[in-house]
Amino acid sequence: MTHVVDPKHAEVPLTLDEAPPRTLGVLDQGAFWANLGVSLLGFSFALFLINPLLDDNPLTMTAAVTATVVGSLVGTAMVGLAAIPGVQTGKPAMVLLRGLFGARLSYVPTVLNIIQMLGWGAFELWVISMGAQAIFGDAVPYAVWVVVAGAITTGLTIYPLGAIRLIRRVVTVGVIISTVWFAVTLLQSAPVQTGGSWDAFAPAVDFVIALSVSWVPLAADFARHSRSSSAAFTGVVSGYTIAQVACLAIGVYAVAIAGHDAVLNDPTAVFGPFVAAPLGALFFGVLVLRETDQSFANVYSVAMSLQNLMPRVDRRLFSVAIGVLTIGVALLVDVNSYSAFLSIIGAVFVPMLGVLVVDYFVLGTARTWDTSENAPSRWLMIIPWALGFCAWWLLAAPSTIPWWAAIWDGARAALGFTRQPWMSAAVGAFLVAGLVTLAIGRVRRR
């Protein structure tokens, strides 16, 4: 007698040899991405939104909000585009890159994605633990919170589609109520925001885009279970944009209450105004518990990335191993390097997305997209990716890493190029990578 699984309770196959169930509608995707858009880290990141160059010339409130909306729309559109091939092929994100670069060359971005998602997951465990300590104090050691959060994360990763259904049905309601509560209470107690200019508008937009496009390398991991491309794209853009704009806007007022210098020296200082608000501990606890969906998404993406390297290994084994490793990294993490970490992520994956979008959608290679284990190497695709990476750093605001900033300052001087304040590194890198890909495609056809 054949056992039939109810599609509503279907789970992700254990290996890449099995077809993925298509059970996620636009509400599932929208709720999932909305929860990813609300981050405890995002509240402290509002400091870099207001003053991305960390100088004496911050943005006006109007400029900061506008940068948030523009950056979120651009960034989530990129994530949405990255999701569509996952729906159409049914393949995870890194397996998709076999079609872009070839099977063996896809291992390069796969390893980079494993490193960055492992880092993201560790940062999320760190922020969950610090958030819990902001509520309960030091009675429970930091390491204990990390282990508890890591255990929850690993459990969700073993049952990923069940986790998404739980988020849509239960978690999203609590997050909406908590977000609205803090928006009202913090707005009432925050000092009036005055002064500033629009001079750093482009770097602020780039920063918001970087927050969004950090999800590009895992978009297809979840989109492959969508019922349609429109459900995946709409869910990403609408859910994540609304949530991220709300999160950063609330963060602006939380940073103002906590003090800019205090948050710059200690990102967790932004938690204080939330906990101090009426019923703050209760609603902040909801947001802390919800943060596990961020660590879940990252750990699950690492497991999917590893399956590109070892497609027949049970993903549950990867989930447990990566969960344990993420806990270990979280105990040693350095949060002070986070802003630079985001820049590196954007510089790598934004131009890669530009190559993929043009090659897949514009040049029409979707019809012959080869995601097999023997997909031939496409060395020419490395060229636009590399040029897009260089374009990012030529157009970007100076890096906070001195030796890296010196390299690109020297490159600008050698080229006789002067970066203008209105230039966007993210948009420029995407366009350079895409246009070079288009040129290569046209030449090859001729």
Protein backbone atom coordinates (compact mmCIF):
# COMPACT_ATOMS: atom_id res chain seq x y z
CA MET A 1 0.00 0.00 0.00
CA THR A 2 1.50 3.36 -1.05
CA HIS A 3 1.69 6.05 1.61
CA VAL A 4 0.41 9.37 0.26
CA VAL A 5 1.73 12.55 1.89
CA ASP A 6 -0.69 15.44 2.29
CA PRO A 7 0.79 18.30 0.19
CA LYS A 8 0.00 20.73 3.01
CA HIS A 9 2.43 18.83 5.23
CA ALA A 10 5.04 17.90 2.62
CA GLU A 11 8.67 18.53 3.46
CA VAL A 12 11.85 19.31 1.55
CA PRO A 13 13.41 16.17 -0.01
CA LEU A 14 16.44 14.81 1.78
CA THR A 15 18.66 14.81 -1.32
CA LEU A 16 18.78 16.63 -4.65
CA ASP A 17 17.66 13.51 -6.50
CA GLU A 18 14.02 14.10 -5.52
CA ALA A 19 11.65 16.74 -6.92
CA PRO A 20 10.72 19.56 -4.49
CA PRO A 21 7.07 19.94 -3.40
CA ARG A 22 5.36 23.13 -4.65
CA THR A 23 3.31 24.11 -1.60
CA LEU A 24 4.13 27.77 -0.87
CA GLY A 25 1.71 30.46 -2.02
CA VAL A 26 2.13 34.22 -2.04
CA LEU A 27 0.99 34.52 1.60
CA ASP A 28 3.54 31.92 2.72
CA GLN A 29 6.33 33.71 0.86
CA GLY A 30 5.16 37.16 1.94
CA ALA A 31 4.97 36.23 5.62
CA PHE A 32 8.32 34.46 5.51
CA TRP A 33 10.14 37.36 3.85
CA ALA A 34 8.40 39.91 6.05
CA ASN A 35 9.77 38.12 9.10
CA LEU A 36 13.24 38.14 7.55
CA GLY A 37 12.86 41.90 7.01
CA VAL A 38 12.39 42.57 10.73
CA SER A 39 15.73 42.07 12.43
CA LEU A 40 17.07 43.04 15.83
CA LEU A 41 20.31 43.85 14.04
CA GLY A 42 18.32 46.12 11.74
CA PHE A 43 17.42 48.42 14.64
CA SER A 44 21.07 49.19 15.35
CA PHE A 45 21.82 49.37 11.60
CA ALA A 46 19.63 52.48 11.50
CA LEU A 47 22.74 54.29 12.73
CA PHE A 48 24.52 53.50 9.44
CA LEU A 49 21.40 54.48 7.53
CA ILE A 50 21.32 57.94 9.10
CA ASN A 51 25.06 58.44 8.82
CA PRO A 52 26.56 55.87 6.42
CA LEU A 53 29.91 57.66 6.27
CA LEU A 54 30.06 58.12 10.08
CA ASP A 55 31.05 61.77 9.69
CA ASP A 56 29.60 65.07 10.91
CA ASN A 57 27.05 65.29 8.10
CA PRO A 58 24.14 62.86 8.72
CA LEU A 59 21.06 62.57 6.55
CA THR A 60 17.83 64.41 7.23
CA MET A 61 14.93 62.27 8.39
CA THR A 62 13.26 62.66 5.01
CA ALA A 63 16.44 61.59 3.22
CA ALA A 64 16.90 58.59 5.53
CA VAL A 65 13.34 57.36 5.03
CA THR A 66 13.57 57.90 1.27
CA ALA A 67 16.88 55.98 1.16
CA THR A 68 15.22 53.15 3.06
CA VAL A 69 12.31 52.90 0.62
CA VAL A 70 14.47 53.21 -2.51
CA GLY A 71 17.16 50.83 -1.25
CA SER A 72 14.60 48.26 -0.11
CA LEU A 73 12.72 48.31 -3.41
CA VAL A 74 15.90 47.97 -5.48
CA GLY A 75 17.36 45.31 -3.21
CA THR A 76 14.22 43.21 -2.92
CA ALA A 77 13.63 43.40 -6.67
CA MET A 78 17.08 41.85 -7.05
CA VAL A 79 16.20 39.13 -4.53
CA GLY A 80 12.90 38.53 -6.34
CA LEU A 81 14.67 38.12 -9.67
CA ALA A 82 17.07 35.65 -8.06
CA ALA A 83 14.06 33.67 -6.81
CA ILE A 84 12.34 33.16 -10.19
CA PRO A 85 14.87 30.67 -11.69
CA GLY A 86 14.48 28.62 -8.53
CA VAL A 87 10.75 28.34 -9.18
CA GLN A 88 11.20 27.52 -12.85
CA THR A 89 13.91 24.88 -12.39
CA GLY A 90 13.10 23.59 -8.90
CA LYS A 91 16.78 23.88 -7.98
CA PRO A 92 18.42 25.46 -4.90
CA ALA A 93 20.37 28.68 -5.38
CA MET A 94 23.89 27.28 -5.63
CA VAL A 95 22.80 24.42 -7.89
CA LEU A 96 21.31 27.04 -10.21
CA LEU A 97 24.79 28.50 -10.62
CA ARG A 98 25.84 25.34 -12.43
CA GLY A 99 23.87 26.74 -15.34
CA LEU A 100 25.62 30.10 -15.10
CA PHE A 101 29.23 29.04 -14.47
CA GLY A 102 29.25 25.28 -14.99
CA ALA A 103 29.27 22.60 -12.29
CA ARG A 104 32.88 22.95 -11.17
CA LEU A 105 33.05 26.74 -11.33
CA SER A 106 29.82 26.94 -9.32
CA TYR A 107 31.82 25.61 -6.38
CA VAL A 108 33.52 29.02 -6.04
CA PRO A 109 30.37 31.04 -5.23
CA THR A 110 29.08 28.04 -3.29
CA VAL A 111 32.03 28.17 -0.90
CA LEU A 112 31.68 31.95 -0.61
CA ASN A 113 28.00 31.52 0.21
CA ILE A 114 28.74 28.89 2.83
CA ILE A 115 31.20 31.27 4.51
CA GLN A 116 28.88 34.28 4.44
CA MET A 117 25.75 32.39 5.53
CA LEU A 118 27.66 30.72 8.33
CA GLY A 119 28.74 34.22 9.42
CA TRP A 120 25.18 35.54 9.19
CA GLY A 121 23.87 32.59 11.21
CA ALA A 122 26.46 33.16 13.92
CA PHE A 123 25.62 36.86 14.09
CA GLU A 124 21.95 35.99 14.47
CA LEU A 125 22.66 33.64 17.38
CA TRP A 126 24.73 36.42 18.93
CA VAL A 127 21.96 38.98 18.58
CA ILE A 128 19.30 36.56 19.90
CA SER A 129 21.44 35.93 22.97
CA MET A 130 22.16 39.62 23.53
CA GLY A 131 18.46 40.39 23.12
CA ALA A 132 17.57 37.75 25.70
CA GLN A 133 20.12 39.19 28.13
CA ALA A 134 18.66 42.68 27.59
CA ILE A 135 15.38 41.28 28.93
CA PHE A 136 16.56 38.88 31.64
CA GLY A 137 19.96 40.29 32.57
CA ASP A 138 23.05 38.19 33.18
CA ALA A 139 21.35 35.53 35.31
CA VAL A 140 21.61 33.17 32.35
CA PRO A 141 25.06 33.18 30.71
CA TYR A 142 25.45 34.28 27.10
CA ALA A 143 26.72 30.84 26.07
CA VAL A 144 23.53 29.17 27.32
CA TRP A 145 21.35 31.46 25.20
CA VAL A 146 23.54 30.73 22.17
CA VAL A 147 23.11 26.97 22.63
CA VAL A 148 19.34 27.27 23.13
CA ALA A 149 18.93 29.51 20.07
CA GLY A 150 21.17 27.21 18.06
CA ALA A 151 19.12 24.16 19.04
CA ILE A 152 15.87 25.86 17.98
CA THR A 153 17.52 26.95 14.73
CA THR A 154 18.67 23.42 13.96
CA GLY A 155 15.21 22.01 14.65
CA LEU A 156 13.59 24.48 12.27
CA THR A 157 16.18 23.65 9.62
CA ILE A 158 15.34 19.96 9.73
CA TYR A 159 11.67 20.80 8.99
CA PRO A 160 12.00 23.94 6.80
CA LEU A 161 8.60 23.96 5.08
CA GLY A 162 6.92 23.27 8.40
CA ALA A 163 8.82 26.24 9.82
CA ILE A 164 7.55 28.51 7.05
CA ARG A 165 3.97 27.37 7.63
CA LEU A 166 4.41 28.09 11.37
CA ILE A 167 5.74 31.56 10.58
CA ARG A 168 2.76 32.39 8.38
CA ARG A 169 0.10 31.12 10.76
CA VAL A 170 1.46 32.18 14.16
CA VAL A 171 4.67 34.17 14.25
CA THR A 172 3.69 36.91 11.80
CA VAL A 173 0.74 38.00 13.95
CA GLY A 174 2.96 38.47 17.00
CA VAL A 175 5.56 40.36 14.98
CA ILE A 176 2.97 42.77 13.53
CA ILE A 177 1.53 43.54 16.97
CA SER A 178 4.98 44.04 18.49
CA THR A 179 6.18 46.24 15.64
CA VAL A 180 3.14 48.50 15.79
CA TRP A 181 3.45 48.76 19.57
CA PHE A 182 7.08 49.87 19.42
CA ALA A 183 6.42 52.23 16.52
CA VAL A 184 3.86 54.09 18.63
CA THR A 185 5.73 54.09 21.95
CA LEU A 186 9.18 54.97 20.58
CA LEU A 187 7.83 57.74 18.35
CA GLN A 188 6.25 59.35 21.41
CA SER A 189 9.44 59.29 23.48
CA ALA A 190 12.12 59.94 20.83
CA PRO A 191 13.68 63.40 20.54
CA VAL A 192 12.73 65.45 17.50
CA GLN A 193 15.08 64.70 14.59
CA THR A 194 16.35 67.93 12.98
CA GLY A 195 19.23 69.04 10.75
CA GLY A 196 21.25 66.99 8.31
CA SER A 197 21.52 66.94 4.52
CA TRP A 198 21.09 64.71 1.46
CA ASP A 199 24.84 64.48 0.73
CA ALA A 200 25.21 60.85 1.82
CA PHE A 201 21.96 59.68 0.20
CA ALA A 202 23.65 57.32 -2.32
CA PRO A 203 25.83 55.54 0.31
CA ALA A 204 22.73 55.15 2.48
CA VAL A 205 20.83 53.57 -0.42
CA ASP A 206 23.78 51.24 -1.05
CA PHE A 207 23.76 50.22 2.60
CA VAL A 208 20.05 49.36 2.50
CA ILE A 209 20.53 47.47 -0.77
CA ALA A 210 23.36 45.51 0.86
CA LEU A 211 21.02 44.53 3.71
CA SER A 212 18.51 43.22 1.16
CA VAL A 213 20.79 41.52 -1.36
CA SER A 214 22.51 39.54 1.34
CA TRP A 215 19.50 37.24 0.81
CA VAL A 216 20.10 36.84 -2.95
CA PRO A 217 22.23 33.68 -2.54
CA LEU A 218 19.43 31.84 -0.73
CA ALA A 219 16.31 33.17 -2.48
CA ALA A 220 15.94 30.13 -4.75
CA ASP A 221 16.36 27.75 -1.78
CA PHE A 222 12.85 28.72 -0.69
CA ALA A 223 11.37 29.90 -3.99
CA ARG A 224 11.79 26.40 -5.50
CA HIS A 225 8.83 25.38 -3.33
CA SER A 226 6.56 28.17 -4.63
CA ARG A 227 3.46 27.45 -6.66
CA SER A 228 4.38 30.11 -9.22
CA SER A 229 7.06 32.66 -10.13
CA SER A 230 4.67 35.52 -9.37
CA ALA A 231 4.01 34.15 -5.87
CA ALA A 232 7.74 34.04 -5.16
CA PHE A 233 8.55 37.47 -6.61
CA THR A 234 5.54 39.23 -5.07
CA GLY A 235 6.12 37.62 -1.70
CA VAL A 236 9.76 38.70 -1.60
CA VAL A 237 9.27 42.29 -2.77
CA SER A 238 6.13 43.12 -0.81
CA GLY A 239 6.89 41.24 2.40
CA TYR A 240 10.54 42.18 2.79
CA THR A 241 10.20 45.80 1.65
CA ILE A 242 7.37 46.66 4.04
CA ALA A 243 9.07 44.95 6.96
CA GLN A 244 12.54 46.39 6.36
CA VAL A 245 11.25 49.95 5.95
CA ALA A 246 9.30 49.61 9.21
CA CYS A 247 12.28 48.04 11.00
CA LEU A 248 14.77 50.73 9.97
CA ALA A 249 12.30 53.54 10.64
CA ILE A 250 11.71 52.28 14.18
CA GLY A 251 15.46 51.84 14.52
CA VAL A 252 16.04 55.51 13.72
CA TYR A 253 14.02 56.53 16.77
CA ALA A 254 15.50 53.79 18.97
CA VAL A 255 19.01 54.95 18.08
CA ALA A 256 18.02 58.55 18.84
CA ILE A 257 16.78 57.51 22.30
CA ALA A 258 19.77 55.27 23.09
CA GLY A 259 22.30 57.80 21.72
CA HIS A 260 24.28 57.61 18.48
CA ASP A 261 27.65 57.26 20.21
CA ALA A 262 26.35 54.56 22.55
CA VAL A 263 25.05 52.44 19.64
CA LEU A 264 28.23 53.00 17.64
CA ASN A 265 30.33 51.67 20.54
CA ASP A 266 27.87 48.91 21.44
CA PRO A 267 25.19 47.88 18.87
CA THR A 268 23.15 46.17 21.60
CA ALA A 269 22.62 49.54 23.31
CA VAL A 270 19.70 50.01 20.91
CA PHE A 271 17.83 47.26 22.78
CA GLY A 272 17.47 49.46 25.86
CA PRO A 273 14.62 51.68 24.59
CA PHE A 274 12.63 48.61 23.54
CA VAL A 275 12.89 46.87 26.89
CA ALA A 276 12.23 50.14 28.78
CA ALA A 277 8.99 50.84 26.86
CA PRO A 278 5.64 49.94 28.49
CA LEU A 279 5.20 46.17 28.11
CA GLY A 280 8.52 46.37 26.28
CA ALA A 281 9.98 43.17 27.73
CA LEU A 282 6.96 41.17 26.53
CA PHE A 283 6.89 42.49 22.98
CA PHE A 284 10.67 42.57 22.66
CA GLY A 285 10.69 38.93 23.75
CA VAL A 286 8.44 38.14 20.78
CA LEU A 287 10.96 39.77 18.44
CA VAL A 288 13.87 37.95 20.10
CA LEU A 289 12.17 34.57 19.69
CA ARG A 290 11.22 35.44 16.11
CA GLU A 291 14.86 36.17 15.29
CA THR A 292 15.41 32.42 15.06
CA ASP A 293 13.84 32.53 11.58
CA GLN A 294 16.87 34.55 10.47
CA SER A 295 19.35 32.01 11.82
CA PHE A 296 17.16 29.20 10.42
CA ALA A 297 17.24 30.69 6.91
CA ASN A 298 21.01 31.03 7.00
CA VAL A 299 21.77 27.57 8.38
CA TYR A 300 19.33 25.99 5.91
CA SER A 301 21.05 27.83 3.04
CA VAL A 302 24.41 26.44 4.14
CA ALA A 303 22.92 22.93 4.08
CA MET A 304 21.53 23.52 0.57
CA SER A 305 24.87 24.93 -0.57
CA LEU A 306 26.68 21.87 0.72
CA GLN A 307 24.31 19.70 -1.28
CA ASN A 308 25.63 21.38 -4.44
CA LEU A 309 29.02 19.93 -3.48
CA MET A 310 27.63 16.61 -2.17
CA PRO A 311 24.15 16.18 -3.70
CA ARG A 312 23.36 12.75 -2.27
CA VAL A 313 24.09 13.47 1.39
CA ASP A 314 21.03 13.74 3.63
CA ARG A 315 20.38 17.46 4.26
CA ARG A 316 19.49 16.68 7.90
CA LEU A 317 23.07 15.60 8.54
CA PHE A 318 24.28 18.89 7.11
CA SER A 319 21.75 20.80 9.22
CA VAL A 320 22.91 19.28 12.48
CA ALA A 321 26.60 19.70 11.65
CA ILE A 322 26.17 23.32 10.53
CA GLY A 323 23.97 24.07 13.53
CA VAL A 324 26.74 22.93 15.88
CA LEU A 325 29.40 24.83 13.92
CA THR A 326 27.29 28.01 13.92
CA ILE A 327 26.97 27.81 17.70
CA GLY A 328 30.75 27.55 17.96
CA VAL A 329 31.32 30.55 15.70
CA ALA A 330 28.72 32.60 17.60
CA LEU A 331 30.77 32.24 20.78
CA LEU A 332 33.75 33.93 19.07
CA VAL A 333 32.06 36.46 16.77
CA ASP A 334 33.36 40.04 16.30
CA VAL A 335 30.39 42.35 15.69
CA ASN A 336 32.58 45.38 15.03
CA SER A 337 33.45 44.08 11.56
CA TYR A 338 29.82 43.74 10.51
CA SER A 339 29.49 46.86 8.34
CA ALA A 340 32.53 45.86 6.29
CA PHE A 341 31.14 42.32 6.11
CA LEU A 342 27.94 43.63 4.48
CA SER A 343 29.94 45.57 1.89
CA ILE A 344 31.88 42.48 0.91
CA ILE A 345 28.64 40.49 0.52
CA GLY A 346 27.16 43.13 -1.76
CA ALA A 347 30.29 43.44 -3.86
CA VAL A 348 30.35 39.69 -4.53
CA PHE A 349 26.70 38.83 -5.08
CA VAL A 350 25.20 41.95 -6.69
CA PRO A 351 27.34 41.69 -9.87
CA MET A 352 26.86 37.92 -9.92
CA LEU A 353 23.11 38.54 -9.94
CA GLY A 354 23.58 40.99 -12.82
CA VAL A 355 25.30 38.26 -14.83
CA LEU A 356 22.58 35.73 -13.99
CA VAL A 357 19.65 38.05 -14.79
CA VAL A 358 20.98 39.02 -18.22
CA ASP A 359 22.12 35.53 -19.15
CA TYR A 360 18.95 33.78 -17.93
CA PHE A 361 16.23 36.28 -18.83
CA VAL A 362 17.63 38.54 -21.58
CA LEU A 363 19.83 36.18 -23.58
CA GLY A 364 17.31 33.38 -23.18
CA THR A 365 19.62 30.67 -21.87
CA ALA A 366 16.84 29.61 -19.48
CA ARG A 367 15.73 27.20 -22.19
CA THR A 368 19.07 25.39 -22.10
CA TRP A 369 20.00 25.98 -18.45
CA ASP A 370 22.15 23.01 -17.46
CA THR A 371 22.11 22.26 -13.72
CA SER A 372 23.46 18.74 -14.01
CA GLU A 373 26.55 17.53 -12.15
CA ASN A 374 28.41 17.51 -15.48
CA ALA A 375 27.43 20.99 -16.64
CA PRO A 376 30.36 22.34 -18.71
CA SER A 377 32.39 25.25 -17.37
CA ARG A 378 31.50 28.71 -18.72
CA TRP A 379 34.71 30.62 -18.08
CA LEU A 380 33.56 33.73 -19.96
CA MET A 381 30.95 34.40 -17.26
CA ILE A 382 33.75 35.05 -14.77
CA ILE A 383 34.71 38.21 -16.71
CA PRO A 384 31.51 40.26 -16.15
CA TRP A 385 31.33 39.03 -12.54
CA ALA A 386 34.89 40.23 -11.87
CA LEU A 387 34.35 43.55 -13.65
CA GLY A 388 31.17 44.12 -11.66
CA PHE A 389 33.06 43.42 -8.44
CA CYS A 390 35.68 46.02 -9.43
CA ALA A 391 32.95 48.51 -10.38
CA TRP A 392 31.41 48.14 -6.92
CA TRP A 393 34.63 49.14 -5.16
CA LEU A 394 35.45 51.94 -7.58
CA LEU A 395 32.03 53.46 -6.93
CA ALA A 396 31.68 52.59 -3.25
CA ALA A 397 32.31 54.88 -0.31
CA PRO A 398 35.73 54.27 1.30
CA SER A 399 35.97 50.94 3.11
CA THR A 400 36.43 50.86 6.86
CA ILE A 401 39.37 48.49 6.29
CA PRO A 402 42.38 50.80 5.68
CA TRP A 403 44.48 48.54 3.46
CA TRP A 404 41.46 47.62 1.29
CA ALA A 405 40.49 51.28 0.93
CA ALA A 406 44.06 52.10 -0.10
CA ILE A 407 43.94 49.57 -2.95
CA TRP A 408 40.85 51.13 -4.50
CA ASP A 409 42.02 54.68 -3.87
CA GLY A 410 45.11 53.75 -5.88
CA ALA A 411 42.99 52.17 -8.62
CA ARG A 412 40.87 55.34 -8.93
CA ALA A 413 44.01 57.48 -9.12
CA ALA A 414 45.51 55.23 -11.82
CA LEU A 415 42.31 55.44 -13.89
CA GLY A 416 41.91 59.16 -13.29
CA PHE A 417 38.43 58.47 -11.90
CA THR A 418 36.80 60.55 -9.18
CA ARG A 419 33.85 59.06 -7.36
CA GLN A 420 30.87 61.42 -7.10
CA PRO A 421 28.51 61.46 -4.07
CA TRP A 422 25.48 60.55 -6.20
CA MET A 423 27.04 57.33 -7.53
CA SER A 424 25.61 54.01 -6.34
CA ALA A 425 27.99 51.08 -6.02
CA ALA A 426 25.17 48.51 -6.08
CA VAL A 427 23.44 49.89 -9.17
CA GLY A 428 26.75 50.48 -10.95
CA ALA A 429 28.06 46.97 -10.25
CA PHE A 430 24.79 45.39 -11.37
CA LEU A 431 24.74 47.40 -14.61
CA VAL A 432 28.42 46.81 -15.45
CA ALA A 433 28.11 43.06 -14.90
CA GLY A 434 24.85 42.90 -16.84
CA LEU A 435 26.03 44.98 -19.80
CA VAL A 436 29.29 43.06 -20.15
CA THR A 437 27.32 39.80 -20.03
CA LEU A 438 25.03 41.15 -22.74
CA ALA A 439 28.02 42.11 -24.91
CA ILE A 440 29.61 38.69 -24.50
CA GLY A 441 26.33 37.00 -25.40
CA ARG A 442 25.90 39.09 -28.54
CA VAL A 443 29.48 38.40 -29.67
CA ARG A 444 29.08 34.66 -29.12
CA ARG A 445 25.87 34.59 -31.16
CA ARG A 446 27.57 36.35 -34.06
